[in-house]
Amino acid sequence: MAERIVSIGLLTRSDLQLLGQGFQRHFPITQDDSFSDLLAKLDTLAADTFVGEEKRVAEKE
């Protein structure tokens, strides 16, 4: 049985370096403005906006 995806992330090059060579399932994107509005809105969210979300999702399973 395949594992189900539980997270999607937007990573910087530094993030990938921290994760190391063992992290192979990433899909590089080219620099363009296709998602600039969305990324700008995400940048305005406080880091603690999603605290507790993991617990809520786990409770549904």
PDB file of N, CA and C in Angstrom:
ATOM      1  N   MET A   1       0.846  -1.180   0.000  1.00  0.00           N
ATOM      2  CA  MET A   1       0.000   0.000   0.000  1.00  0.00           C
ATOM      3  C   MET A   1       0.888   1.238   0.000  1.00  0.00           C
ATOM      4  N   ALA A   2       0.637   2.145  -0.900  1.00  0.00           N
ATOM      5  CA  ALA A   2       1.417   3.379  -0.995  1.00  0.00           C
ATOM      6  C   ALA A   2       1.067   4.304   0.169  1.00  0.00           C
ATOM      7  N   GLU A   3       2.073   4.998   0.655  1.00  0.00           N
ATOM      8  CA  GLU A   3       1.828   5.970   1.713  1.00  0.00           C
ATOM      9  C   GLU A   3       1.081   7.154   1.141  1.00  0.00           C
ATOM     10  N   ARG A   4       0.225   7.751   1.937  1.00  0.00           N
ATOM     11  CA  ARG A   4      -0.514   8.913   1.450  1.00  0.00           C
ATOM     12  C   ARG A   4       0.274  10.172   1.779  1.00  0.00           C
ATOM     13  N   ILE A   5       0.168  11.166   0.940  1.00  0.00           N
ATOM     14  CA  ILE A   5       0.860  12.433   1.128  1.00  0.00           C
ATOM     15  C   ILE A   5       0.216  13.175   2.288  1.00  0.00           C
ATOM     16  N   VAL A   6       1.040  13.654   3.208  1.00  0.00           N
ATOM     17  CA  VAL A   6       0.531  14.390   4.362  1.00  0.00           C
ATOM     18  C   VAL A   6       1.046  15.823   4.417  1.00  0.00           C
ATOM     19  N   SER A   7       1.944  16.186   3.489  1.00  0.00           N
ATOM     20  CA  SER A   7       2.491  17.534   3.525  1.00  0.00           C
ATOM     21  C   SER A   7       3.060  17.926   2.169  1.00  0.00           C
ATOM     22  N   ILE A   8       2.925  19.195   1.864  1.00  0.00           N
ATOM     23  CA  ILE A   8       3.547  19.788   0.681  1.00  0.00           C
ATOM     24  C   ILE A   8       4.252  21.040   1.176  1.00  0.00           C
ATOM     25  N   GLY A   9       5.474  21.262   0.729  1.00  0.00           N
ATOM     26  CA  GLY A   9       6.212  22.422   1.216  1.00  0.00           C
ATOM     27  C   GLY A   9       6.833  23.237   0.104  1.00  0.00           C
ATOM     28  N   LEU A  10       7.041  24.493   0.393  1.00  0.00           N
ATOM     29  CA  LEU A  10       7.767  25.390  -0.496  1.00  0.00           C
ATOM     30  C   LEU A  10       9.128  25.601   0.141  1.00  0.00           C
ATOM     31  N   LEU A  11      10.170  25.098  -0.495  1.00  0.00           N
ATOM     32  CA  LEU A  11      11.499  25.094   0.093  1.00  0.00           C
ATOM     33  C   LEU A  11      12.458  26.003  -0.649  1.00  0.00           C
ATOM     34  N   THR A  12      13.378  26.590   0.103  1.00  0.00           N
ATOM     35  CA  THR A  12      14.461  27.357  -0.499  1.00  0.00           C
ATOM     36  C   THR A  12      15.636  26.415  -0.731  1.00  0.00           C
ATOM     37  N   ARG A  13      16.630  26.889  -1.433  1.00  0.00           N
ATOM     38  CA  ARG A  13      17.846  26.075  -1.612  1.00  0.00           C
ATOM     39  C   ARG A  13      18.464  25.729  -0.270  1.00  0.00           C
ATOM     40  N   SER A  14      18.444  26.685   0.656  1.00  0.00           N
ATOM     41  CA  SER A  14      18.980  26.433   1.997  1.00  0.00           C
ATOM     42  C   SER A  14      18.213  25.324   2.703  1.00  0.00           C
ATOM     43  N   ASP A  15      16.895  25.321   2.538  1.00  0.00           N
ATOM     44  CA  ASP A  15      16.073  24.263   3.134  1.00  0.00           C
ATOM     45  C   ASP A  15      16.502  22.900   2.600  1.00  0.00           C
ATOM     46  N   LEU A  16      16.679  22.805   1.285  1.00  0.00           N
ATOM     47  CA  LEU A  16      17.090  21.531   0.680  1.00  0.00           C
ATOM     48  C   LEU A  16      18.462  21.089   1.176  1.00  0.00           C
ATOM     49  N   GLN A  17      19.369  22.056   1.349  1.00  0.00           N
ATOM     50  CA  GLN A  17      20.700  21.716   1.862  1.00  0.00           C
ATOM     51  C   GLN A  17      20.597  21.174   3.281  1.00  0.00           C
ATOM     52  N   LEU A  18      19.735  21.765   4.099  1.00  0.00           N
ATOM     53  CA  LEU A  18      19.549  21.284   5.471  1.00  0.00           C
ATOM     54  C   LEU A  18      18.964  19.870   5.498  1.00  0.00           C
ATOM     55  N   LEU A  19      18.068  19.582   4.576  1.00  0.00           N
ATOM     56  CA  LEU A  19      17.464  18.254   4.520  1.00  0.00           C
ATOM     57  C   LEU A  19      18.466  17.198   4.077  1.00  0.00           C
ATOM     58  N   GLY A  20      19.448  17.596   3.298  1.00  0.00           N
ATOM     59  CA  GLY A  20      20.522  16.691   2.912  1.00  0.00           C
ATOM     60  C   GLY A  20      20.210  15.808   1.721  1.00  0.00           C
ATOM     61  N   GLN A  21      21.157  14.961   1.392  1.00  0.00           N
ATOM     62  CA  GLN A  21      21.068  14.093   0.218  1.00  0.00           C
ATOM     63  C   GLN A  21      19.978  13.041   0.322  1.00  0.00           C
ATOM     64  N   GLY A  22      19.543  12.741   1.527  1.00  0.00           N
ATOM     65  CA  GLY A  22      18.493  11.738   1.706  1.00  0.00           C
ATOM     66  C   GLY A  22      17.126  12.203   1.235  1.00  0.00           C
ATOM     67  N   PHE A  23      16.959  13.491   1.077  1.00  0.00           N
ATOM     68  CA  PHE A  23      15.675  14.036   0.630  1.00  0.00           C
ATOM     69  C   PHE A  23      15.699  14.144  -0.885  1.00  0.00           C
ATOM     70  N   GLN A  24      15.062  13.204  -1.551  1.00  0.00           N
ATOM     71  CA  GLN A  24      15.130  13.122  -3.011  1.00  0.00           C
ATOM     72  C   GLN A  24      13.816  13.453  -3.716  1.00  0.00           C
ATOM     73  N   ARG A  25      12.717  13.507  -2.992  1.00  0.00           N
ATOM     74  CA  ARG A  25      11.423  13.699  -3.660  1.00  0.00           C
ATOM     75  C   ARG A  25      11.015  15.160  -3.681  1.00  0.00           C
ATOM     76  N   HIS A  26      11.772  15.947  -4.396  1.00  0.00           N
ATOM     77  CA  HIS A  26      11.390  17.344  -4.587  1.00  0.00           C
ATOM     78  C   HIS A  26      11.326  17.625  -6.087  1.00  0.00           C
ATOM     79  N   PHE A  27      10.544  18.600  -6.430  1.00  0.00           N
ATOM     80  CA  PHE A  27      10.332  18.934  -7.832  1.00  0.00           C
ATOM     81  C   PHE A  27      10.685  20.401  -8.032  1.00  0.00           C
ATOM     82  N   PRO A  28      11.860  20.680  -8.570  1.00  0.00           N
ATOM     83  CA  PRO A  28      12.292  22.068  -8.764  1.00  0.00           C
ATOM     84  C   PRO A  28      11.334  22.843  -9.671  1.00  0.00           C
ATOM     85  N   ILE A  29      11.196  24.121  -9.393  1.00  0.00           N
ATOM     86  CA  ILE A  29      10.368  24.986 -10.226  1.00  0.00           C
ATOM     87  C   ILE A  29      11.232  26.096 -10.803  1.00  0.00           C
ATOM     88  N   THR A  30      10.803  26.616 -11.939  1.00  0.00           N
ATOM     89  CA  THR A  30      11.533  27.722 -12.545  1.00  0.00           C
ATOM     90  C   THR A  30      11.026  29.030 -11.947  1.00  0.00           C
ATOM     91  N   GLN A  31      11.882  30.021 -11.966  1.00  0.00           N
ATOM     92  CA  GLN A  31      11.505  31.337 -11.438  1.00  0.00           C
ATOM     93  C   GLN A  31      10.623  32.051 -12.449  1.00  0.00           C
ATOM     94  N   ASP A  32       9.402  32.323 -12.079  1.00  0.00           N
ATOM     95  CA  ASP A  32       8.507  33.133 -12.895  1.00  0.00           C
ATOM     96  C   ASP A  32       7.498  33.798 -11.973  1.00  0.00           C
ATOM     97  N   ASP A  33       6.589  34.550 -12.519  1.00  0.00           N
ATOM     98  CA  ASP A  33       5.629  35.279 -11.698  1.00  0.00           C
ATOM     99  C   ASP A  33       4.256  34.608 -11.632  1.00  0.00           C
ATOM    100  N   SER A  34       4.173  33.363 -12.037  1.00  0.00           N
ATOM    101  CA  SER A  34       2.883  32.674 -12.057  1.00  0.00           C
ATOM    102  C   SER A  34       2.205  32.632 -10.692  1.00  0.00           C
ATOM    103  N   PHE A  35       2.995  32.495  -9.633  1.00  0.00           N
ATOM    104  CA  PHE A  35       2.428  32.354  -8.302  1.00  0.00           C
ATOM    105  C   PHE A  35       2.834  33.494  -7.369  1.00  0.00           C
ATOM    106  N   SER A  36       3.310  34.598  -7.914  1.00  0.00           N
ATOM    107  CA  SER A  36       3.822  35.684  -7.070  1.00  0.00           C
ATOM    108  C   SER A  36       2.748  36.236  -6.124  1.00  0.00           C
ATOM    109  N   ASP A  37       1.505  36.368  -6.585  1.00  0.00           N
ATOM    110  CA  ASP A  37       0.436  36.865  -5.713  1.00  0.00           C
ATOM    111  C   ASP A  37       0.174  35.896  -4.560  1.00  0.00           C
ATOM    112  N   LEU A  38       0.101  34.611  -4.880  1.00  0.00           N
ATOM    113  CA  LEU A  38      -0.134  33.602  -3.851  1.00  0.00           C
ATOM    114  C   LEU A  38       1.015  33.572  -2.843  1.00  0.00           C
ATOM    115  N   LEU A  39       2.244  33.580  -3.328  1.00  0.00           N
ATOM    116  CA  LEU A  39       3.395  33.541  -2.429  1.00  0.00           C
ATOM    117  C   LEU A  39       3.457  34.785  -1.547  1.00  0.00           C
ATOM    118  N   ALA A  40       3.114  35.929  -2.076  1.00  0.00           N
ATOM    119  CA  ALA A  40       3.097  37.160  -1.284  1.00  0.00           C
ATOM    120  C   ALA A  40       2.077  37.053  -0.153  1.00  0.00           C
ATOM    121  N   LYS A  41       0.914  36.477  -0.436  1.00  0.00           N
ATOM    122  CA  LYS A  41      -0.110  36.302   0.604  1.00  0.00           C
ATOM    123  C   LYS A  41       0.348  35.293   1.650  1.00  0.00           C
ATOM    124  N   LEU A  42       0.979  34.202   1.226  1.00  0.00           N
ATOM    125  CA  LEU A  42       1.487  33.210   2.169  1.00  0.00           C
ATOM    126  C   LEU A  42       2.557  33.802   3.073  1.00  0.00           C
ATOM    127  N   ASP A  43       3.379  34.682   2.527  1.00  0.00           N
ATOM    128  CA  ASP A  43       4.427  35.327   3.317  1.00  0.00           C
ATOM    129  C   ASP A  43       3.861  36.204   4.423  1.00  0.00           C
ATOM    130  N   THR A  44       2.626  36.670   4.283  1.00  0.00           N
ATOM    131  CA  THR A  44       2.035  37.534   5.308  1.00  0.00           C
ATOM    132  C   THR A  44       1.441  36.749   6.476  1.00  0.00           C
ATOM    133  N   LEU A  45       1.265  35.447   6.314  1.00  0.00           N
ATOM    134  CA  LEU A  45       0.701  34.626   7.386  1.00  0.00           C
ATOM    135  C   LEU A  45       1.711  34.454   8.507  1.00  0.00           C
ATOM    136  N   ALA A  46       1.222  34.502   9.708  1.00  0.00           N
ATOM    137  CA  ALA A  46       2.086  34.252  10.862  1.00  0.00           C
ATOM    138  C   ALA A  46       2.479  32.783  10.883  1.00  0.00           C
ATOM    139  N   ALA A  47       3.661  32.515  11.377  1.00  0.00           N
ATOM    140  CA  ALA A  47       4.159  31.141  11.416  1.00  0.00           C
ATOM    141  C   ALA A  47       3.269  30.243  12.258  1.00  0.00           C
ATOM    142  N   ASP A  48       2.574  30.787  13.231  1.00  0.00           N
ATOM    143  CA  ASP A  48       1.742  29.965  14.104  1.00  0.00           C
ATOM    144  C   ASP A  48       0.305  29.820  13.602  1.00  0.00           C
ATOM    145  N   THR A  49       0.018  30.281  12.395  1.00  0.00           N
ATOM    146  CA  THR A  49      -1.330  30.195  11.841  1.00  0.00           C
ATOM    147  C   THR A  49      -1.840  28.759  11.800  1.00  0.00           C
ATOM    148  N   PHE A  50      -0.955  27.815  11.532  1.00  0.00           N
ATOM    149  CA  PHE A  50      -1.371  26.434  11.336  1.00  0.00           C
ATOM    150  C   PHE A  50      -1.093  25.544  12.533  1.00  0.00           C
ATOM    151  N   VAL A  51      -0.724  26.121  13.667  1.00  0.00           N
ATOM    152  CA  VAL A  51      -0.487  25.326  14.871  1.00  0.00           C
ATOM    153  C   VAL A  51      -1.792  24.640  15.252  1.00  0.00           C
ATOM    154  N   GLY A  52      -1.727  23.369  15.513  1.00  0.00           N
ATOM    155  CA  GLY A  52      -2.906  22.595  15.861  1.00  0.00           C
ATOM    156  C   GLY A  52      -3.533  21.895  14.674  1.00  0.00           C
ATOM    157  N   GLU A  53      -3.192  22.300  13.470  1.00  0.00           N
ATOM    158  CA  GLU A  53      -3.752  21.677  12.273  1.00  0.00           C
ATOM    159  C   GLU A  53      -3.386  20.205  12.205  1.00  0.00           C
ATOM    160  N   GLU A  54      -2.154  19.875  12.550  1.00  0.00           N
ATOM    161  CA  GLU A  54      -1.707  18.478  12.497  1.00  0.00           C
ATOM    162  C   GLU A  54      -2.549  17.617  13.426  1.00  0.00           C
ATOM    163  N   LYS A  55      -2.846  18.116  14.603  1.00  0.00           N
ATOM    164  CA  LYS A  55      -3.667  17.363  15.566  1.00  0.00           C
ATOM    165  C   LYS A  55      -5.080  17.182  15.013  1.00  0.00           C
ATOM    166  N   ARG A  56      -5.655  18.243  14.423  1.00  0.00           N
ATOM    167  CA  ARG A  56      -7.001  18.155  13.883  1.00  0.00           C
ATOM    168  C   ARG A  56      -7.098  17.125  12.768  1.00  0.00           C
ATOM    169  N   VAL A  57      -6.091  17.110  11.893  1.00  0.00           N
ATOM    170  CA  VAL A  57      -6.065  16.148  10.794  1.00  0.00           C
ATOM    171  C   VAL A  57      -5.930  14.734  11.342  1.00  0.00           C
ATOM    172  N   ALA A  58      -5.054  14.537  12.320  1.00  0.00           N
ATOM    173  CA  ALA A  58      -4.844  13.210  12.902  1.00  0.00           C
ATOM    174  C   ALA A  58      -6.127  12.689  13.558  1.00  0.00           C
ATOM    175  N   GLU A  59      -6.900  13.580  14.160  1.00  0.00           N
ATOM    176  CA  GLU A  59      -8.143  13.166  14.813  1.00  0.00           C
ATOM    177  C   GLU A  59      -9.167  12.670  13.818  1.00  0.00           C
ATOM    178  N   LYS A  60      -9.113  13.171  12.573  1.00  0.00           N
ATOM    179  CA  LYS A  60     -10.066  12.748  11.541  1.00  0.00           C
ATOM    180  C   LYS A  60      -9.742  11.344  11.026  1.00  0.00           C
ATOM    181  N   GLU A  61      -8.507  10.912  11.153  1.00  0.00           N
ATOM    182  CA  GLU A  61      -8.073   9.622  10.576  1.00  0.00           C
ATOM    183  C   GLU A  61      -8.538   8.442  11.373  1.00  0.00           C
TER     184      GLU A  61
END
